[in-house]
Protein backbone atom coordinates (compact mmCIF):
# COMPACT_ATOMS: atom_id res chain seq x y z
CA ARG A 1 0.00 0.00 0.00
CA THR A 2 0.99 3.53 -0.67
CA ARG A 3 0.31 6.44 1.58
CA PHE A 4 -2.55 7.64 -0.64
CA HIS A 5 -4.68 4.57 -0.12
CA LYS A 6 -7.07 4.74 2.77
CA ARG A 7 -9.47 2.25 4.08
CA ILE A 8 -12.95 3.07 2.96
CA SER A 9 -15.82 1.52 4.79
CA TYR A 10 -19.32 1.55 3.41
CA HIS A 11 -22.31 1.84 5.69
CA PRO A 12 -25.66 1.55 3.93
CA PRO A 13 -28.21 4.21 4.87
CA LYS A 14 -30.77 3.27 7.44
CA LEU A 15 -34.32 2.86 6.25
CA ILE A 16 -36.87 5.16 7.78
CA ASP A 17 -39.92 3.44 9.15
CA ILE A 18 -43.03 5.39 8.14
CA PRO A 19 -46.26 4.36 9.78
CA SER A 20 -48.77 3.09 7.23
CA THR A 21 -51.44 5.53 8.41
CA MET A 22 -49.21 8.50 7.59
CA LEU A 23 -48.51 7.04 4.16
CA VAL A 24 -52.21 6.54 3.44
CA GLN A 25 -53.04 10.07 4.58
CA SER A 26 -50.34 11.61 2.39
CA LEU A 27 -51.58 9.61 -0.62
CA LYS A 28 -55.14 10.82 -0.01
CA LYS A 29 -53.96 14.43 0.13
CA ALA A 30 -51.98 14.00 -3.08
CA SER A 31 -54.90 12.41 -4.91
CA ALA A 32 -57.26 15.16 -3.71
CA ALA A 33 -54.95 17.79 -5.23
CA VAL A 34 -55.20 16.23 -8.71
CA GLN A 35 -57.76 17.99 -10.88
CA PRO A 36 -60.08 16.01 -13.14
CA PRO A 37 -59.25 16.16 -16.87
CA ARG A 38 -60.78 19.00 -18.83
CA LYS A 39 -63.25 18.36 -21.59
CA ILE A 40 -61.95 19.27 -25.02
CA THR A 41 -64.41 20.73 -27.46
CA VAL A 42 -63.79 20.35 -31.16
CA ALA A 43 -65.13 22.95 -33.53
CA ALA A 44 -67.46 21.70 -36.24
CA PRO A 45 -65.90 21.71 -39.71
CA ALA A 46 -66.81 24.46 -42.10
CA GLU A 47 -69.53 23.77 -44.63
CA LYS A 48 -67.33 24.21 -47.67
CA PRO A 49 -63.55 24.50 -48.21
CA SER A 50 -61.80 27.80 -48.77
CA GLU A 51 -60.84 28.99 -52.24
CA ASN A 52 -57.14 28.44 -51.52
CA LEU A 53 -57.77 24.82 -50.55
CA VAL A 54 -59.80 24.21 -53.71
CA LEU A 55 -57.02 25.72 -55.82
CA ALA A 56 -54.37 23.66 -54.02
CA ASN A 57 -56.47 20.53 -54.53
CA LYS A 58 -56.65 21.30 -58.23
CA TYR A 59 -52.85 21.41 -58.63
CA PHE A 60 -51.69 19.05 -55.87
CA GLY A 61 -54.71 16.79 -55.31
CA GLY A 62 -55.10 13.14 -56.23
CA ASP A 63 -55.43 13.71 -59.99
CA SER A 64 -52.61 16.22 -60.43
CA MET A 65 -49.55 15.56 -62.55
CA VAL A 66 -47.05 17.25 -60.20
CA ILE A 67 -45.92 14.06 -58.45
CA PRO A 68 -45.54 11.90 -61.58
CA ALA A 69 -43.67 14.76 -63.26
CA GLY A 70 -41.36 15.06 -60.25
CA CYS A 71 -40.67 11.32 -60.35
CA PHE A 72 -39.93 11.49 -64.08
CA ILE A 73 -37.58 14.46 -63.68
CA THR A 74 -35.77 12.70 -60.81
CA ALA A 75 -35.36 9.55 -62.93
CA CYS A 76 -34.02 11.60 -65.88
CA ILE A 77 -31.48 13.36 -63.69
CA LEU A 78 -30.43 10.02 -62.17
CA GLY A 79 -30.00 8.46 -65.61
CA THR A 80 -27.93 11.40 -66.85
CA GLY A 81 -25.78 11.25 -63.73
CA LEU A 82 -25.13 7.54 -64.25
CA TRP A 83 -24.28 8.23 -67.89
CA GLU A 84 -21.75 10.87 -66.79
CA PHE A 85 -20.32 8.34 -64.33
CA LYS A 86 -19.93 5.77 -67.12
CA LYS A 87 -18.13 8.33 -69.30
CA GLY A 88 -15.74 9.08 -66.42
CA ASN A 89 -16.77 12.70 -65.91
CA LYS A 90 -16.62 12.83 -62.11
CA ILE A 91 -17.43 16.54 -61.81
CA GLY A 92 -20.50 16.29 -64.05
CA GLN A 93 -21.65 13.13 -62.29
CA GLN A 94 -21.37 14.83 -58.90
CA LYS A 95 -23.45 17.79 -60.11
CA PHE A 96 -26.18 15.52 -61.45
CA MET A 97 -26.31 13.51 -58.23
CA ARG A 98 -26.72 16.71 -56.23
CA ALA A 99 -29.49 17.82 -58.60
CA ARG A 100 -31.12 14.41 -58.17
CA VAL A 101 -31.19 14.86 -54.39
CA ALA A 102 -32.84 18.27 -54.80
CA ALA A 103 -35.42 16.95 -57.29
CA GLN A 104 -36.14 13.95 -55.08
CA GLY A 105 -36.62 16.22 -52.04
CA LEU A 106 -39.06 18.43 -53.94
CA THR A 107 -40.98 15.37 -55.14
CA VAL A 108 -41.29 13.99 -51.59
CA ALA A 109 -42.39 17.43 -50.34
CA ALA A 110 -45.05 17.51 -53.09
CA MET A 111 -46.22 14.04 -51.99
CA MET A 112 -46.57 15.15 -48.37
CA GLY A 113 -48.38 18.33 -49.42
CA SER A 114 -50.73 16.32 -51.60
CA LEU A 115 -51.55 13.98 -48.72
CA ALA A 116 -52.27 16.92 -46.44
CA ILE A 117 -54.51 18.60 -49.01
CA GLN A 118 -56.39 15.36 -49.73
CA SER A 119 -57.00 14.76 -46.02
CA LYS A 120 -58.33 18.32 -45.62
CA MET A 121 -60.64 17.85 -48.58
CA ALA A 122 -61.83 14.51 -47.15
CA GLU A 123 -62.98 16.33 -44.01
CA PHE A 124 -65.36 18.42 -46.11
CA SER A 125 -66.72 15.52 -48.13
CA ALA A 126 -67.43 13.38 -45.04
């Protein structure tokens, strides 16, 4: 042993004995302080959708061509990037892959927007 080592003894803490009546009383006080849950009221949906929602449904709804066009553009950019990779043009290939990521992100954003618009329109038709 060196002079820095000391004997350390561990004494576990003593448990406090709480009478069961005190415990029951404190639990009753705590449960009395809890407030009952509030009732949430939901506003009734409007009778017809706004003009902006109708316009958005026209361009981004279920029958729009925005999402298929975005998928086609992404596929074209991907194909061109792979062609550049085959030719050995690393700089051109890198640019096309970055453009593909941007086009893919815009397509996914259009998909999410379309789902949101369709769910809003479904509220009015139900």
